[in-house]
Amino acid sequence: MINPRPVFVPRLRLHQLVGGSHDAVVDYREILAEGVRLVPGTAEFAHRVATPEAARQLRSVLDTTPATAPVTVVGAGPTGIETAAELAGPAAG
């Protein structure tokens, strides 16, 4: 799981935050199973593709990454799917 916050924000509780009945955050220690730990790393290893600048930065990182290195695309929206397809290589035709 990748999350930019140190706490879990259950979106279904955001209306309660608005109403003042719940703070809409849950400490991961309350919901993660025994033995599961939260590990930082996205600041070092994750890259966005939401802007031309971010996409260029990721392209420069990929240019210096061995072709055999694993790359994980997170996100199953149109941008994530298209990025995964591009990284997989040209379509067989």
Protein backbone atom coordinates (compact mmCIF):
# COMPACT_ATOMS: atom_id res chain seq x y z
CA MET A 1 0.00 0.00 0.00
CA ILE A 2 1.24 3.48 -0.77
CA ASN A 3 -0.12 6.40 1.18
CA PRO A 4 1.34 9.91 1.51
CA ARG A 5 0.07 10.26 5.08
CA PRO A 6 1.39 8.66 8.27
CA VAL A 7 -2.23 7.86 9.23
CA PHE A 8 -5.05 6.18 7.32
CA VAL A 9 -7.83 8.50 6.15
CA PRO A 10 -11.02 6.51 5.58
CA ARG A 11 -12.78 8.63 2.96
CA LEU A 12 -16.13 7.32 4.08
CA ARG A 13 -15.63 9.25 7.34
CA LEU A 14 -14.83 12.64 5.79
CA HIS A 15 -18.47 13.71 6.11
CA GLN A 16 -18.08 13.08 9.86
CA LEU A 17 -15.05 15.36 9.91
CA VAL A 18 -17.19 18.06 8.33
CA GLY A 19 -19.92 17.46 10.90
CA GLY A 20 -17.50 17.38 13.82
CA SER A 21 -18.29 13.85 15.00
CA HIS A 22 -15.06 12.10 13.89
CA ASP A 23 -11.55 13.29 13.00
CA ALA A 24 -11.48 11.01 9.91
CA VAL A 25 -8.07 9.53 10.63
CA VAL A 26 -7.05 6.16 12.04
CA ASP A 27 -3.60 5.25 13.28
CA TYR A 28 -2.18 2.41 11.20
CA ARG A 29 -1.29 0.51 14.40
CA GLU A 30 -5.01 0.16 15.02
CA ILE A 31 -5.80 -1.43 11.67
CA LEU A 32 -2.70 -3.25 10.44
CA ALA A 33 -2.38 -6.91 11.34
CA GLU A 34 0.15 -8.05 13.92
CA GLY A 35 3.62 -8.12 12.39
CA VAL A 36 2.78 -5.67 9.58
CA ARG A 37 4.77 -2.50 9.69
CA LEU A 38 4.62 0.82 7.91
CA VAL A 39 7.79 1.48 5.92
CA PRO A 40 8.65 4.91 4.39
CA GLY A 41 10.25 5.05 0.99
CA THR A 42 8.00 6.84 -1.42
CA ALA A 43 10.00 10.05 -1.11
CA GLU A 44 13.05 8.16 -2.35
CA PHE A 45 11.56 5.75 -4.85
CA ALA A 46 8.12 6.90 -6.02
CA HIS A 47 7.61 9.24 -8.94
CA ARG A 48 4.50 10.96 -10.19
CA VAL A 49 3.43 11.32 -13.79
CA ALA A 50 0.66 13.90 -13.27
CA THR A 51 2.48 16.84 -14.89
CA PRO A 52 4.86 17.21 -17.84
CA GLU A 53 7.64 18.16 -15.43
CA ALA A 54 7.10 15.09 -13.26
CA ALA A 55 6.91 12.83 -16.31
CA ARG A 56 10.21 14.26 -17.64
CA GLN A 57 11.84 13.71 -14.26
CA LEU A 58 10.68 10.08 -14.22
CA ARG A 59 11.91 9.62 -17.80
CA SER A 60 15.39 10.80 -16.73
CA VAL A 61 15.33 8.34 -13.80
CA LEU A 62 14.29 5.50 -16.10
CA ASP A 63 17.05 6.44 -18.57
CA THR A 64 19.62 5.72 -15.86
CA THR A 65 17.90 2.59 -14.53
CA PRO A 66 18.98 -0.84 -15.81
CA ALA A 67 16.46 -2.24 -18.29
CA THR A 68 16.10 -5.36 -16.13
CA ALA A 69 15.20 -3.41 -12.96
CA PRO A 70 11.66 -3.99 -11.72
CA VAL A 71 9.27 -1.05 -12.05
CA THR A 72 5.93 -0.98 -10.29
CA VAL A 73 3.11 1.24 -11.51
CA VAL A 74 0.65 2.16 -8.78
CA GLY A 75 -2.76 3.31 -9.87
CA ALA A 76 -5.28 1.67 -12.14
CA GLY A 77 -6.76 4.81 -13.60
CA PRO A 78 -6.17 5.78 -17.22
CA THR A 79 -2.73 7.31 -16.53
CA GLY A 80 -1.53 4.28 -14.57
CA ILE A 81 -2.76 1.84 -17.18
CA GLU A 82 -1.26 3.79 -20.06
CA THR A 83 2.05 4.22 -18.19
CA ALA A 84 2.25 0.49 -17.50
CA ALA A 85 1.52 -0.24 -21.17
CA GLU A 86 4.20 2.19 -22.35
CA LEU A 87 6.77 0.72 -19.99
CA ALA A 88 5.89 -2.80 -21.10
CA GLY A 89 7.05 -1.96 -24.61
CA PRO A 90 5.54 -1.68 -28.04
CA ALA A 91 2.33 -3.56 -28.70
CA ALA A 92 2.70 -6.77 -30.65
CA GLY A 93 1.14 -6.28 -34.00
